[in-house]
Amino acid sequence: AIAACFGTFLEWYDFLTFASLAIYFSVLFFPPDNPTAALLASLATFGVGMVVRPLGAALFGSLADKYGRRPIFITTIALMGVTTFAVGLLPTYAQVGLLAPALLLLLRLLQGFAVGGEIGGVAVYLTEHAPVNRRGVYTSVLQLMGPLGIMASMLQVVLLQAFLTDAEFHSWGWRVPCLFSAVLLAISIKSRMN
């Protein structure tokens, strides 16, 4: 149950890292002439990831029924981890102009798509493979992993802000939680492959 649900930990770590950094993304990826509009654009980019979740659930759920849950689990977790890692590598608005928010939006859509495919699939997998008298316990692990991923993401951001100057965090510190998702992705893929 923990191995299956570790992907959910990563999914929510990645998904909420974006939320916790949205205020920084507004000044990094959007035109700086109107800070309010930039913040709203950053928050809207976060929200778009939520909108596409049902599409991811429909597509990946159908594929899991057809090809099996394991390859789809690996696909959704890889998609989530790779897109979050890519956010950490993105050039800023100051470097590439409007290409920066366009790339951020594309990666956010892919993240939302992956999360939609992950949650329902893991819930079904746990229900199918849990002993009949332990289904509640097994599926409750899934509900625990999301908040743990959120806490890990927020703790990492808070620690980075505590140990880095504001200029360092704006310059490169915000990239660390995104890039760290590669480590979590490797752990998750290893657990799912086994």
N, C-alpha and C. Protein backbone atom coordinates (compact mmCIF):
# COMPACT_ATOMS: atom_id res chain seq x y z
N ALA A 1 0.83 -1.20 0.00
CA ALA A 1 0.00 0.00 0.00
C ALA A 1 0.87 1.25 0.00
N ILE A 2 1.93 1.23 0.81
CA ILE A 2 2.80 2.41 0.87
C ILE A 2 3.54 2.60 -0.45
N ALA A 3 4.01 1.52 -1.06
CA ALA A 3 4.71 1.63 -2.34
C ALA A 3 3.78 2.17 -3.42
N ALA A 4 2.55 1.69 -3.46
CA ALA A 4 1.59 2.17 -4.45
C ALA A 4 1.26 3.63 -4.21
N CYS A 5 1.16 4.01 -2.95
CA CYS A 5 0.74 5.37 -2.60
C CYS A 5 1.88 6.38 -2.58
N PHE A 6 3.12 5.93 -2.64
CA PHE A 6 4.22 6.89 -2.63
C PHE A 6 4.14 7.82 -3.84
N GLY A 7 3.59 7.30 -4.92
CA GLY A 7 3.37 8.14 -6.09
C GLY A 7 2.43 9.28 -5.78
N THR A 8 1.43 9.03 -4.95
CA THR A 8 0.51 10.09 -4.55
C THR A 8 1.24 11.13 -3.72
N PHE A 9 2.17 10.68 -2.88
CA PHE A 9 3.00 11.61 -2.13
C PHE A 9 3.73 12.53 -3.10
N LEU A 10 4.37 11.94 -4.11
CA LEU A 10 5.11 12.74 -5.08
C LEU A 10 4.17 13.65 -5.87
N GLU A 11 3.02 13.12 -6.26
CA GLU A 11 2.08 13.93 -7.04
C GLU A 11 1.70 15.19 -6.27
N TRP A 12 1.36 15.03 -5.01
CA TRP A 12 0.93 16.21 -4.24
C TRP A 12 2.10 17.08 -3.82
N TYR A 13 3.26 16.48 -3.62
CA TYR A 13 4.46 17.29 -3.39
C TYR A 13 4.68 18.21 -4.59
N ASP A 14 4.66 17.62 -5.77
CA ASP A 14 4.89 18.39 -6.99
C ASP A 14 3.79 19.41 -7.23
N PHE A 15 2.56 18.97 -7.07
CA PHE A 15 1.41 19.82 -7.37
C PHE A 15 1.37 21.03 -6.45
N LEU A 16 1.62 20.81 -5.17
CA LEU A 16 1.53 21.92 -4.21
C LEU A 16 2.81 22.73 -4.11
N THR A 17 3.91 22.22 -4.61
CA THR A 17 5.11 23.05 -4.70
C THR A 17 4.80 24.26 -5.57
N PHE A 18 4.07 24.02 -6.64
CA PHE A 18 3.68 25.12 -7.52
C PHE A 18 2.84 26.14 -6.75
N ALA A 19 1.89 25.67 -5.96
CA ALA A 19 1.03 26.59 -5.21
C ALA A 19 1.82 27.43 -4.23
N SER A 20 2.75 26.80 -3.54
CA SER A 20 3.53 27.54 -2.54
C SER A 20 4.49 28.54 -3.17
N LEU A 21 4.83 28.33 -4.43
CA LEU A 21 5.74 29.23 -5.12
C LEU A 21 5.03 30.19 -6.08
N ALA A 22 3.70 30.17 -6.10
CA ALA A 22 2.95 30.97 -7.07
C ALA A 22 3.28 32.45 -6.98
N ILE A 23 3.49 32.96 -5.80
CA ILE A 23 3.81 34.38 -5.67
C ILE A 23 5.18 34.70 -6.29
N TYR A 24 6.12 33.78 -6.19
CA TYR A 24 7.43 33.96 -6.82
C TYR A 24 7.32 33.80 -8.33
N PHE A 25 6.52 32.84 -8.76
CA PHE A 25 6.34 32.63 -10.19
C PHE A 25 5.74 33.87 -10.86
N SER A 26 4.92 34.61 -10.12
CA SER A 26 4.30 35.80 -10.71
C SER A 26 5.35 36.81 -11.16
N VAL A 27 6.41 36.98 -10.38
CA VAL A 27 7.45 37.95 -10.76
C VAL A 27 8.52 37.33 -11.65
N LEU A 28 8.62 36.01 -11.66
CA LEU A 28 9.64 35.36 -12.46
C LEU A 28 9.18 35.05 -13.89
N PHE A 29 7.91 34.71 -14.05
CA PHE A 29 7.45 34.20 -15.34
C PHE A 29 6.44 35.08 -16.08
N PHE A 30 5.99 36.14 -15.47
CA PHE A 30 4.97 36.97 -16.09
C PHE A 30 5.46 38.41 -16.23
N PRO A 31 4.88 39.17 -17.17
CA PRO A 31 5.33 40.56 -17.37
C PRO A 31 5.28 41.36 -16.07
N PRO A 32 6.35 42.08 -15.76
CA PRO A 32 6.46 42.75 -14.46
C PRO A 32 5.75 44.10 -14.37
N ASP A 33 5.18 44.59 -15.47
CA ASP A 33 4.61 45.93 -15.44
C ASP A 33 3.37 46.05 -14.57
N ASN A 34 2.63 44.96 -14.34
CA ASN A 34 1.45 44.98 -13.48
C ASN A 34 1.54 43.80 -12.51
N PRO A 35 2.05 44.04 -11.29
CA PRO A 35 2.24 42.94 -10.33
C PRO A 35 0.95 42.21 -9.97
N THR A 36 -0.16 42.92 -9.90
CA THR A 36 -1.44 42.28 -9.57
C THR A 36 -1.86 41.32 -10.68
N ALA A 37 -1.76 41.77 -11.92
CA ALA A 37 -2.11 40.92 -13.06
C ALA A 37 -1.16 39.71 -13.12
N ALA A 38 0.11 39.93 -12.81
CA ALA A 38 1.07 38.83 -12.82
C ALA A 38 0.72 37.78 -11.78
N LEU A 39 0.34 38.23 -10.58
CA LEU A 39 -0.04 37.28 -9.53
C LEU A 39 -1.30 36.52 -9.92
N LEU A 40 -2.28 37.23 -10.48
CA LEU A 40 -3.50 36.56 -10.92
C LEU A 40 -3.21 35.55 -12.03
N ALA A 41 -2.31 35.89 -12.94
CA ALA A 41 -1.93 34.96 -14.00
C ALA A 41 -1.23 33.72 -13.42
N SER A 42 -0.40 33.93 -12.42
CA SER A 42 0.28 32.81 -11.78
C SER A 42 -0.72 31.89 -11.08
N LEU A 43 -1.68 32.48 -10.37
CA LEU A 43 -2.70 31.68 -9.69
C LEU A 43 -3.61 30.98 -10.70
N ALA A 44 -3.91 31.65 -11.80
CA ALA A 44 -4.73 31.01 -12.84
C ALA A 44 -3.98 29.83 -13.46
N THR A 45 -2.68 29.98 -13.61
CA THR A 45 -1.87 28.87 -14.14
C THR A 45 -1.92 27.68 -13.19
N PHE A 46 -1.90 27.95 -11.88
CA PHE A 46 -2.07 26.87 -10.90
C PHE A 46 -3.45 26.23 -11.06
N GLY A 47 -4.48 27.06 -11.19
CA GLY A 47 -5.85 26.56 -11.30
C GLY A 47 -6.10 25.71 -12.53
N VAL A 48 -5.41 26.03 -13.62
CA VAL A 48 -5.57 25.26 -14.85
C VAL A 48 -5.21 23.79 -14.63
N GLY A 49 -4.24 23.57 -13.77
CA GLY A 49 -3.86 22.19 -13.46
C GLY A 49 -5.00 21.42 -12.82
N MET A 50 -5.83 22.11 -12.07
CA MET A 50 -6.99 21.45 -11.45
C MET A 50 -8.07 21.15 -12.49
N VAL A 51 -8.20 22.04 -13.45
CA VAL A 51 -9.26 21.89 -14.46
C VAL A 51 -9.05 20.66 -15.33
N VAL A 52 -7.80 20.33 -15.65
CA VAL A 52 -7.55 19.20 -16.54
C VAL A 52 -7.49 17.85 -15.82
N ARG A 53 -7.59 17.86 -14.51
CA ARG A 53 -7.53 16.59 -13.77
C ARG A 53 -8.58 15.58 -14.24
N PRO A 54 -9.85 15.98 -14.44
CA PRO A 54 -10.83 14.98 -14.91
C PRO A 54 -10.46 14.37 -16.27
N LEU A 55 -9.84 15.16 -17.13
CA LEU A 55 -9.42 14.62 -18.43
C LEU A 55 -8.34 13.57 -18.25
N GLY A 56 -7.39 13.84 -17.35
CA GLY A 56 -6.35 12.86 -17.05
C GLY A 56 -6.94 11.59 -16.45
N ALA A 57 -7.92 11.76 -15.57
CA ALA A 57 -8.56 10.60 -14.95
C ALA A 57 -9.27 9.75 -16.01
N ALA A 58 -9.97 10.40 -16.93
CA ALA A 58 -10.69 9.66 -17.97
C ALA A 58 -9.73 8.92 -18.90
N LEU A 59 -8.70 9.60 -19.35
CA LEU A 59 -7.77 8.98 -20.29
C LEU A 59 -6.96 7.87 -19.63
N PHE A 60 -6.31 8.20 -18.50
CA PHE A 60 -5.44 7.21 -17.88
C PHE A 60 -6.25 6.06 -17.26
N GLY A 61 -7.45 6.34 -16.78
CA GLY A 61 -8.31 5.27 -16.27
C GLY A 61 -8.67 4.28 -17.36
N SER A 62 -9.00 4.80 -18.52
CA SER A 62 -9.32 3.94 -19.66
C SER A 62 -8.11 3.13 -20.10
N LEU A 63 -6.95 3.79 -20.16
CA LEU A 63 -5.73 3.08 -20.55
C LEU A 63 -5.34 2.02 -19.52
N ALA A 64 -5.56 2.31 -18.23
CA ALA A 64 -5.23 1.33 -17.19
C ALA A 64 -6.12 0.09 -17.30
N ASP A 65 -7.39 0.30 -17.64
CA ASP A 65 -8.29 -0.84 -17.84
C ASP A 65 -7.86 -1.68 -19.03
N LYS A 66 -7.32 -1.03 -20.04
CA LYS A 66 -6.94 -1.73 -21.27
C LYS A 66 -5.57 -2.38 -21.18
N TYR A 67 -4.58 -1.66 -20.60
CA TYR A 67 -3.19 -2.13 -20.62
C TYR A 67 -2.64 -2.55 -19.26
N GLY A 68 -3.42 -2.37 -18.22
CA GLY A 68 -2.97 -2.72 -16.88
C GLY A 68 -2.58 -1.49 -16.08
N ARG A 69 -2.70 -1.59 -14.78
CA ARG A 69 -2.46 -0.44 -13.91
C ARG A 69 -0.97 -0.08 -13.78
N ARG A 70 -0.12 -1.09 -13.73
CA ARG A 70 1.30 -0.83 -13.48
C ARG A 70 1.94 0.10 -14.52
N PRO A 71 1.82 -0.18 -15.83
CA PRO A 71 2.45 0.73 -16.78
C PRO A 71 1.86 2.14 -16.75
N ILE A 72 0.59 2.24 -16.45
CA ILE A 72 -0.04 3.56 -16.38
C ILE A 72 0.42 4.29 -15.12
N PHE A 73 0.57 3.57 -14.00
CA PHE A 73 1.11 4.19 -12.78
C PHE A 73 2.50 4.76 -13.05
N ILE A 74 3.31 4.01 -13.73
CA ILE A 74 4.67 4.48 -14.01
C ILE A 74 4.63 5.68 -14.95
N THR A 75 3.73 5.65 -15.91
CA THR A 75 3.59 6.78 -16.85
C THR A 75 3.14 8.04 -16.13
N THR A 76 2.12 7.93 -15.28
CA THR A 76 1.61 9.15 -14.62
C THR A 76 2.63 9.72 -13.65
N ILE A 77 3.32 8.87 -12.93
CA ILE A 77 4.30 9.38 -11.98
C ILE A 77 5.50 9.97 -12.70
N ALA A 78 5.91 9.35 -13.80
CA ALA A 78 7.02 9.89 -14.58
C ALA A 78 6.63 11.24 -15.19
N LEU A 79 5.43 11.34 -15.70
CA LEU A 79 4.96 12.61 -16.27
C LEU A 79 4.95 13.71 -15.22
N MET A 80 4.48 13.38 -14.04
CA MET A 80 4.43 14.39 -12.97
C MET A 80 5.84 14.80 -12.55
N GLY A 81 6.69 13.85 -12.31
CA GLY A 81 8.05 14.16 -11.85
C GLY A 81 8.86 14.91 -12.89
N VAL A 82 8.76 14.50 -14.14
CA VAL A 82 9.52 15.15 -15.21
C VAL A 82 9.04 16.59 -15.42
N THR A 83 7.73 16.80 -15.39
CA THR A 83 7.24 18.17 -15.60
C THR A 83 7.64 19.08 -14.45
N THR A 84 7.60 18.58 -13.23
CA THR A 84 8.01 19.41 -12.10
C THR A 84 9.49 19.71 -12.16
N PHE A 85 10.29 18.72 -12.51
CA PHE A 85 11.73 18.94 -12.68
C PHE A 85 11.97 19.99 -13.77
N ALA A 86 11.21 19.91 -14.86
CA ALA A 86 11.34 20.87 -15.96
C ALA A 86 11.00 22.28 -15.53
N VAL A 87 10.03 22.43 -14.62
CA VAL A 87 9.71 23.77 -14.11
C VAL A 87 10.95 24.37 -13.44
N GLY A 88 11.70 23.54 -12.74
CA GLY A 88 12.91 24.01 -12.09
C GLY A 88 14.00 24.43 -13.06
N LEU A 89 13.89 24.03 -14.31
CA LEU A 89 14.88 24.39 -15.33
C LEU A 89 14.42 25.52 -16.25
N LEU A 90 13.18 25.95 -16.10
CA LEU A 90 12.62 26.95 -17.01
C LEU A 90 13.38 28.28 -16.98
N PRO A 91 13.54 28.89 -18.15
CA PRO A 91 14.05 30.26 -18.16
C PRO A 91 12.95 31.22 -17.69
N THR A 92 13.32 32.36 -17.19
CA THR A 92 12.35 33.32 -16.66
C THR A 92 11.89 34.28 -17.76
N TYR A 93 10.91 35.10 -17.40
CA TYR A 93 10.40 36.11 -18.33
C TYR A 93 11.50 37.07 -18.76
N ALA A 94 12.38 37.42 -17.84
CA ALA A 94 13.48 38.33 -18.16
C ALA A 94 14.42 37.72 -19.19
N GLN A 95 14.48 36.40 -19.27
CA GLN A 95 15.39 35.72 -20.19
C GLN A 95 14.78 35.46 -21.56
N VAL A 96 13.49 35.05 -21.60
CA VAL A 96 12.89 34.65 -22.88
C VAL A 96 11.54 35.29 -23.16
N GLY A 97 11.12 36.22 -22.35
CA GLY A 97 9.86 36.91 -22.60
C GLY A 97 8.64 36.03 -22.44
N LEU A 98 7.69 36.16 -23.35
CA LEU A 98 6.40 35.46 -23.23
C LEU A 98 6.50 33.94 -23.40
N LEU A 99 7.63 33.46 -23.86
CA LEU A 99 7.82 32.01 -23.94
C LEU A 99 7.83 31.40 -22.53
N ALA A 100 8.31 32.14 -21.55
CA ALA A 100 8.38 31.63 -20.17
C ALA A 100 7.00 31.29 -19.61
N PRO A 101 6.00 32.21 -19.64
CA PRO A 101 4.69 31.81 -19.13
C PRO A 101 4.01 30.74 -19.98
N ALA A 102 4.29 30.72 -21.28
CA ALA A 102 3.70 29.69 -22.14
C ALA A 102 4.22 28.31 -21.76
N LEU A 103 5.53 28.20 -21.52
CA LEU A 103 6.11 26.92 -21.10
C LEU A 103 5.62 26.51 -19.72
N LEU A 104 5.51 27.49 -18.81
CA LEU A 104 5.00 27.19 -17.48
C LEU A 104 3.57 26.66 -17.54
N LEU A 105 2.75 27.28 -18.37
CA LEU A 105 1.37 26.83 -18.53
C LEU A 105 1.31 25.42 -19.10
N LEU A 106 2.12 25.14 -20.09
CA LEU A 106 2.14 23.80 -20.68
C LEU A 106 2.53 22.75 -19.65
N LEU A 107 3.57 23.03 -18.87
CA LEU A 107 3.99 22.08 -17.84
C LEU A 107 2.93 21.90 -16.77
N ARG A 108 2.24 22.97 -16.44
CA ARG A 108 1.18 22.90 -15.43
C ARG A 108 0.01 22.05 -15.93
N LEU A 109 -0.33 22.18 -17.20
CA LEU A 109 -1.39 21.35 -17.78
C LEU A 109 -1.00 19.87 -17.70
N LEU A 110 0.23 19.57 -18.02
CA LEU A 110 0.69 18.18 -17.95
C LEU A 110 0.69 17.65 -16.51
N GLN A 111 1.05 18.52 -15.55
CA GLN A 111 1.00 18.11 -14.14
C GLN A 111 -0.42 17.75 -13.73
N GLY A 112 -1.36 18.62 -14.06
CA GLY A 112 -2.75 18.36 -13.71
C GLY A 112 -3.28 17.11 -14.36
N PHE A 113 -2.90 16.90 -15.60
CA PHE A 113 -3.30 15.72 -16.35
C PHE A 113 -2.79 14.46 -15.64
N ALA A 114 -1.53 14.50 -15.20
CA ALA A 114 -0.93 13.35 -14.51
C ALA A 114 -1.60 13.08 -13.17
N VAL A 115 -1.88 14.14 -12.41
CA VAL A 115 -2.53 13.95 -11.11
C VAL A 115 -3.90 13.31 -11.28
N GLY A 116 -4.63 13.75 -12.30
CA GLY A 116 -5.95 13.16 -12.55
C GLY A 116 -5.86 11.67 -12.82
N GLY A 117 -4.83 11.25 -13.53
CA GLY A 117 -4.67 9.84 -13.82
C GLY A 117 -4.17 9.02 -12.65
N GLU A 118 -3.50 9.68 -11.73
CA GLU A 118 -2.88 8.98 -10.60
C GLU A 118 -3.87 8.60 -9.52
N ILE A 119 -4.61 9.56 -9.02
CA ILE A 119 -5.43 9.36 -7.81
C ILE A 119 -6.45 8.25 -7.97
N GLY A 120 -7.26 8.33 -9.01
CA GLY A 120 -8.29 7.30 -9.19
C GLY A 120 -7.71 5.93 -9.43
N GLY A 121 -6.63 5.88 -10.20
CA GLY A 121 -6.01 4.60 -10.50
C GLY A 121 -5.46 3.91 -9.27
N VAL A 122 -4.83 4.67 -8.40
CA VAL A 122 -4.28 4.08 -7.17
C VAL A 122 -5.41 3.62 -6.26
N ALA A 123 -6.47 4.41 -6.17
CA ALA A 123 -7.61 4.01 -5.33
C ALA A 123 -8.20 2.68 -5.80
N VAL A 124 -8.36 2.55 -7.11
CA VAL A 124 -8.89 1.29 -7.66
C VAL A 124 -7.91 0.15 -7.42
N TYR A 125 -6.63 0.40 -7.66
CA TYR A 125 -5.61 -0.62 -7.46
C TYR A 125 -5.62 -1.13 -6.01
N LEU A 126 -5.64 -0.21 -5.06
CA LEU A 126 -5.65 -0.61 -3.65
C LEU A 126 -6.90 -1.40 -3.30
N THR A 127 -8.02 -0.95 -3.81
CA THR A 127 -9.29 -1.64 -3.52
C THR A 127 -9.27 -3.05 -4.11
N GLU A 128 -8.73 -3.19 -5.31
CA GLU A 128 -8.70 -4.50 -5.97
C GLU A 128 -7.75 -5.48 -5.28
N HIS A 129 -6.66 -4.97 -4.72
CA HIS A 129 -5.64 -5.87 -4.18
C HIS A 129 -5.64 -6.00 -2.66
N ALA A 130 -6.44 -5.21 -1.98
CA ALA A 130 -6.49 -5.28 -0.52
C ALA A 130 -7.32 -6.48 -0.08
N PRO A 131 -6.95 -7.08 1.03
CA PRO A 131 -7.82 -8.11 1.60
C PRO A 131 -9.20 -7.50 1.89
N VAL A 132 -10.23 -8.29 1.75
CA VAL A 132 -11.60 -7.78 1.86
C VAL A 132 -11.82 -7.06 3.19
N ASN A 133 -11.29 -7.58 4.27
CA ASN A 133 -11.53 -6.96 5.58
C ASN A 133 -10.53 -5.83 5.90
N ARG A 134 -9.65 -5.47 4.94
CA ARG A 134 -8.66 -4.42 5.17
C ARG A 134 -8.72 -3.30 4.12
N ARG A 135 -9.75 -3.26 3.31
CA ARG A 135 -9.83 -2.27 2.24
C ARG A 135 -9.82 -0.84 2.76
N GLY A 136 -10.49 -0.61 3.85
CA GLY A 136 -10.51 0.74 4.43
C GLY A 136 -9.13 1.19 4.87
N VAL A 137 -8.40 0.29 5.49
CA VAL A 137 -7.04 0.63 5.95
C VAL A 137 -6.13 0.91 4.75
N TYR A 138 -6.20 0.04 3.75
CA TYR A 138 -5.33 0.22 2.58
C TYR A 138 -5.63 1.53 1.86
N THR A 139 -6.89 1.82 1.63
CA THR A 139 -7.23 3.04 0.90
C THR A 139 -7.02 4.29 1.76
N SER A 140 -7.02 4.15 3.08
CA SER A 140 -6.75 5.31 3.92
C SER A 140 -5.29 5.75 3.81
N VAL A 141 -4.39 4.82 3.46
CA VAL A 141 -2.98 5.19 3.25
C VAL A 141 -2.89 6.18 2.10
N LEU A 142 -3.72 5.99 1.08
CA LEU A 142 -3.76 6.91 -0.05
C LEU A 142 -4.13 8.31 0.41
N GLN A 143 -5.11 8.41 1.29
CA GLN A 143 -5.55 9.72 1.78
C GLN A 143 -4.50 10.37 2.67
N LEU A 144 -3.66 9.58 3.29
CA LEU A 144 -2.59 10.10 4.14
C LEU A 144 -1.42 10.65 3.32
N MET A 145 -1.11 10.02 2.21
CA MET A 145 0.07 10.40 1.45
C MET A 145 -0.04 11.79 0.83
N GLY A 146 -1.22 12.21 0.42
CA GLY A 146 -1.39 13.55 -0.15
C GLY A 146 -0.99 14.64 0.84
N PRO A 147 -1.56 14.65 2.03
CA PRO A 147 -1.14 15.66 3.01
C PRO A 147 0.33 15.57 3.40
N LEU A 148 0.89 14.36 3.43
CA LEU A 148 2.32 14.24 3.72
C LEU A 148 3.17 14.88 2.62
N GLY A 149 2.75 14.72 1.38
CA GLY A 149 3.44 15.36 0.26
C GLY A 149 3.35 16.87 0.34
N ILE A 150 2.19 17.36 0.72
CA ILE A 150 1.99 18.81 0.89
C ILE A 150 2.89 19.34 1.99
N MET A 151 2.94 18.62 3.12
CA MET A 151 3.78 19.06 4.24
C MET A 151 5.26 19.04 3.87
N ALA A 152 5.69 18.02 3.15
CA ALA A 152 7.10 17.96 2.75
C ALA A 152 7.45 19.13 1.83
N SER A 153 6.57 19.44 0.92
CA SER A 153 6.79 20.56 0.01
C SER A 153 6.87 21.87 0.77
N MET A 154 5.92 22.10 1.65
CA MET A 154 5.90 23.36 2.40
C MET A 154 7.09 23.46 3.34
N LEU A 155 7.46 22.37 3.98
CA LEU A 155 8.61 22.38 4.88
C LEU A 155 9.88 22.73 4.12
N GLN A 156 10.04 22.18 2.94
CA GLN A 156 11.22 22.46 2.15
C GLN A 156 11.27 23.94 1.75
N VAL A 157 10.15 24.50 1.34
CA VAL A 157 10.11 25.92 0.96
C VAL A 157 10.41 26.81 2.16
N VAL A 158 9.81 26.49 3.31
CA VAL A 158 10.04 27.28 4.52
C VAL A 158 11.51 27.24 4.94
N LEU A 159 12.11 26.05 4.89
CA LEU A 159 13.53 25.92 5.26
C LEU A 159 14.43 26.69 4.29
N LEU A 160 14.12 26.61 3.01
CA LEU A 160 14.91 27.36 2.04
C LEU A 160 14.80 28.86 2.28
N GLN A 161 13.59 29.32 2.58
CA GLN A 161 13.41 30.74 2.84
C GLN A 161 14.11 31.16 4.13
N ALA A 162 14.22 30.26 5.08
CA ALA A 162 14.89 30.57 6.35
C ALA A 162 16.41 30.66 6.18
N PHE A 163 16.97 29.80 5.32
CA PHE A 163 18.42 29.74 5.20
C PHE A 163 19.00 30.56 4.05
N LEU A 164 18.16 30.98 3.13
CA LEU A 164 18.63 31.78 2.00
C LEU A 164 18.17 33.22 2.16
N THR A 165 18.93 34.12 1.60
CA THR A 165 18.47 35.51 1.57
C THR A 165 17.32 35.60 0.55
N ASP A 166 16.57 36.67 0.61
CA ASP A 166 15.47 36.86 -0.32
C ASP A 166 15.98 36.88 -1.76
N ALA A 167 17.11 37.53 -1.97
CA ALA A 167 17.70 37.61 -3.32
C ALA A 167 18.12 36.22 -3.81
N GLU A 168 18.70 35.40 -2.92
CA GLU A 168 19.10 34.04 -3.30
C GLU A 168 17.90 33.18 -3.63
N PHE A 169 16.84 33.32 -2.81
CA PHE A 169 15.64 32.52 -3.07
C PHE A 169 15.03 32.91 -4.41
N HIS A 170 14.94 34.22 -4.70
CA HIS A 170 14.39 34.67 -5.97
C HIS A 170 15.28 34.26 -7.15
N SER A 171 16.58 34.22 -6.92
CA SER A 171 17.51 33.92 -8.00
C SER A 171 17.53 32.42 -8.35
N TRP A 172 17.70 31.56 -7.34
CA TRP A 172 17.83 30.14 -7.61
C TRP A 172 17.14 29.24 -6.58
N GLY A 173 16.87 29.73 -5.39
CA GLY A 173 16.32 28.89 -4.33
C GLY A 173 14.97 28.30 -4.65
N TRP A 174 14.15 29.03 -5.41
CA TRP A 174 12.83 28.53 -5.77
C TRP A 174 12.93 27.28 -6.65
N ARG A 175 14.05 27.11 -7.33
CA ARG A 175 14.21 25.96 -8.22
C ARG A 175 14.44 24.65 -7.45
N VAL A 176 14.97 24.74 -6.24
CA VAL A 176 15.36 23.55 -5.48
C VAL A 176 14.19 22.57 -5.26
N PRO A 177 13.01 23.01 -4.78
CA PRO A 177 11.94 22.03 -4.60
C PRO A 177 11.52 21.35 -5.89
N CYS A 178 11.57 22.09 -6.99
CA CYS A 178 11.21 21.49 -8.28
C CYS A 178 12.25 20.46 -8.71
N LEU A 179 13.50 20.80 -8.57
CA LEU A 179 14.57 19.89 -8.97
C LEU A 179 14.66 18.68 -8.05
N PHE A 180 14.33 18.87 -6.76
CA PHE A 180 14.36 17.76 -5.80
C PHE A 180 13.32 16.69 -6.15
N SER A 181 12.32 17.06 -6.91
CA SER A 181 11.32 16.06 -7.28
C SER A 181 11.93 14.91 -8.08
N ALA A 182 13.10 15.13 -8.70
CA ALA A 182 13.77 14.04 -9.42
C ALA A 182 14.17 12.92 -8.46
N VAL A 183 14.59 13.29 -7.26
CA VAL A 183 14.95 12.28 -6.25
C VAL A 183 13.71 11.49 -5.84
N LEU A 184 12.63 12.20 -5.58
CA LEU A 184 11.38 11.53 -5.21
C LEU A 184 10.85 10.67 -6.35
N LEU A 185 11.03 11.14 -7.57
CA LEU A 185 10.60 10.37 -8.74
C LEU A 185 11.38 9.06 -8.83
N ALA A 186 12.68 9.13 -8.62
CA ALA A 186 13.49 7.90 -8.67
C ALA A 186 13.04 6.90 -7.62
N ILE A 187 12.75 7.37 -6.40
CA ILE A 187 12.27 6.48 -5.34
C ILE A 187 10.93 5.88 -5.72
N SER A 188 10.05 6.71 -6.26
CA SER A 188 8.72 6.23 -6.62
C SER A 188 8.76 5.21 -7.74
N ILE A 189 9.55 5.47 -8.76
CA ILE A 189 9.63 4.52 -9.88
C ILE A 189 10.24 3.20 -9.41
N LYS A 190 11.27 3.30 -8.57
CA LYS A 190 11.89 2.07 -8.03
C LYS A 190 10.86 1.25 -7.25
N SER A 191 10.07 1.93 -6.41
CA SER A 191 9.08 1.19 -5.62
C SER A 191 8.00 0.60 -6.50
N ARG A 192 7.62 1.32 -7.54
CA ARG A 192 6.57 0.80 -8.44
C ARG A 192 7.09 -0.30 -9.33
N MET A 193 8.34 -0.25 -9.72
CA MET A 193 8.89 -1.32 -10.55
C MET A 193 9.00 -2.62 -9.75
N ASN A 194 9.21 -2.49 -8.44
CA ASN A 194 9.33 -3.68 -7.59
C ASN A 194 7.97 -4.20 -7.16
